[in-house]
Amino acid sequence: MIKFTCEKALLKNAISTAGKVVAPKSSIPTLEGLLLQANAELLTVSGYNMQTGIRTKVSVNVLEPGEIVMPTRLFSDIVTRMPDDVITFSCDEHLVARLTCGNADIEIPGLAAEEYP
């Protein structure tokens, strides 16, 4: 569904930038998350709150193009706590994202990108 590798610092910076506009609580669950879109060696990370949107792009190694919405706070906390190394992000057909970096291996539930406004 989606798979890429990226330096932790680049991913952390993109999450921090786009996450500035994400509402911590919303009646639309996908608005509490960040939209990740991977294609053509670029990862686009988008945050939106129905008034303001921020989109940032990061150079990544795209192994499988795709898109998913990740819960902002949880995703940010996990990436921040990972070792300073290359992170591999992959997602299965059940929208379960797996992040691996060094000896860390964590799974987080995601949301369907089609539901993102």
Protein backbone atom coordinates (compact mmCIF):
# COMPACT_ATOMS: atom_id res chain seq x y z
CA MET A 1 0.00 0.00 0.00
CA ILE A 2 2.75 2.51 0.93
CA LYS A 3 6.39 1.95 1.78
CA PHE A 4 9.35 4.31 1.98
CA THR A 5 12.63 4.90 3.78
CA CYS A 6 13.74 8.29 5.09
CA GLU A 7 16.23 9.89 7.44
CA LYS A 8 14.61 10.39 10.85
CA ALA A 9 15.53 14.09 11.01
CA LEU A 10 13.84 14.85 7.67
CA LEU A 11 10.65 12.97 8.59
CA LYS A 12 10.53 14.53 12.06
CA ASN A 13 10.87 18.03 10.58
CA ALA A 14 8.08 17.42 8.03
CA ILE A 15 5.75 16.07 10.74
CA SER A 16 6.52 19.06 12.97
CA THR A 17 5.91 21.58 10.18
CA ALA A 18 2.64 20.14 8.84
CA GLY A 19 1.41 19.21 12.32
CA LYS A 20 1.27 22.85 13.44
CA VAL A 21 -2.23 23.30 11.99
CA VAL A 22 -3.71 19.93 12.94
CA ALA A 23 -6.56 20.15 15.45
CA PRO A 24 -6.03 17.95 18.53
CA LYS A 25 -9.77 17.17 18.63
CA SER A 26 -12.11 17.21 15.66
CA SER A 27 -15.51 15.79 14.73
CA ILE A 28 -13.77 14.44 11.60
CA PRO A 29 -11.22 11.83 12.78
CA THR A 30 -8.94 12.25 9.76
CA LEU A 31 -8.45 15.95 10.59
CA GLU A 32 -6.59 14.84 13.73
CA GLY A 33 -4.01 13.25 11.47
CA LEU A 34 -1.44 13.97 8.80
CA LEU A 35 -1.93 12.84 5.22
CA LEU A 36 1.17 11.03 3.92
CA GLN A 37 1.45 10.64 0.14
CA ALA A 38 4.49 8.87 -1.31
CA ASN A 39 5.29 8.91 -5.02
CA ALA A 40 8.15 9.76 -7.40
CA GLU A 41 10.85 9.87 -4.69
CA LEU A 42 8.87 12.43 -2.67
CA LEU A 43 6.81 12.19 0.48
CA THR A 44 4.18 14.90 0.86
CA VAL A 45 3.02 15.47 4.45
CA SER A 46 -0.18 17.52 4.77
CA GLY A 47 -1.94 18.97 7.81
CA TYR A 48 -5.33 20.69 7.62
CA ASN A 49 -7.91 22.11 10.05
CA MET A 50 -10.73 23.18 7.65
CA GLN A 51 -9.30 26.74 7.58
CA THR A 52 -5.56 26.45 7.18
CA GLY A 53 -3.42 23.81 5.52
CA ILE A 54 0.30 23.15 5.46
CA ARG A 55 1.93 20.82 2.96
CA THR A 56 5.61 19.95 3.04
CA LYS A 57 7.66 17.67 0.79
CA VAL A 58 10.57 15.45 1.74
CA SER A 59 12.94 13.46 -0.46
CA VAL A 60 12.54 9.79 0.42
CA ASN A 61 13.26 6.42 -1.15
CA VAL A 62 9.79 5.31 -2.27
CA LEU A 63 9.60 1.51 -2.40
CA GLU A 64 5.84 1.40 -2.90
CA PRO A 65 3.77 4.51 -3.71
CA GLY A 66 0.58 5.15 -1.77
CA GLU A 67 -1.12 7.27 0.86
CA ILE A 68 -2.40 7.02 4.43
CA VAL A 69 -3.51 9.31 7.27
CA MET A 70 -1.50 8.95 10.48
CA PRO A 71 -2.59 10.25 13.93
CA THR A 72 -0.44 13.36 14.39
CA ARG A 73 0.47 13.25 18.08
CA LEU A 74 1.17 9.50 18.24
CA PHE A 75 3.10 9.48 14.95
CA SER A 76 5.18 12.49 16.01
CA ASP A 77 5.96 11.02 19.46
CA ILE A 78 7.07 7.69 17.98
CA VAL A 79 9.28 9.22 15.29
CA THR A 80 10.86 11.56 17.87
CA ARG A 81 11.76 8.64 20.15
CA MET A 82 13.26 6.48 17.41
CA PRO A 83 17.05 6.20 17.02
CA ASP A 84 18.79 8.74 14.77
CA ASP A 85 18.95 6.54 11.69
CA VAL A 86 16.96 5.68 8.56
CA ILE A 87 13.29 4.93 9.27
CA THR A 88 11.42 2.40 7.16
CA PHE A 89 7.68 3.12 6.98
CA SER A 90 5.34 0.50 5.54
CA CYS A 91 1.59 0.00 5.64
CA ASP A 92 -0.51 -3.08 4.94
CA GLU A 93 -3.99 -3.39 3.41
CA HIS A 94 -5.54 -3.13 6.90
CA LEU A 95 -4.04 0.37 7.34
CA VAL A 96 -1.60 -0.76 10.03
CA ALA A 97 1.62 1.22 9.65
CA ARG A 98 4.92 -0.31 10.71
CA LEU A 99 7.91 1.86 11.54
CA THR A 100 11.32 0.26 11.91
CA CYS A 101 14.55 2.02 12.78
CA GLY A 102 17.59 0.38 14.34
CA ASN A 103 16.25 -2.03 16.95
CA ALA A 104 12.86 -0.23 17.18
CA ASP A 105 9.85 -1.84 15.48
CA ILE A 106 6.43 -0.27 16.13
CA GLU A 107 2.96 -0.69 14.60
CA ILE A 108 0.36 2.12 14.59
CA PRO A 109 -3.16 2.08 13.17
CA GLY A 110 -3.74 4.56 10.35
CA LEU A 111 -6.84 5.88 8.59
CA ALA A 112 -7.90 5.72 4.94
CA ALA A 113 -6.59 8.64 2.88
CA GLU A 114 -9.86 8.73 0.91
CA GLU A 115 -11.57 10.13 4.03
CA TYR A 116 -9.19 13.11 4.26
CA PRO A 117 -10.94 16.33 3.18
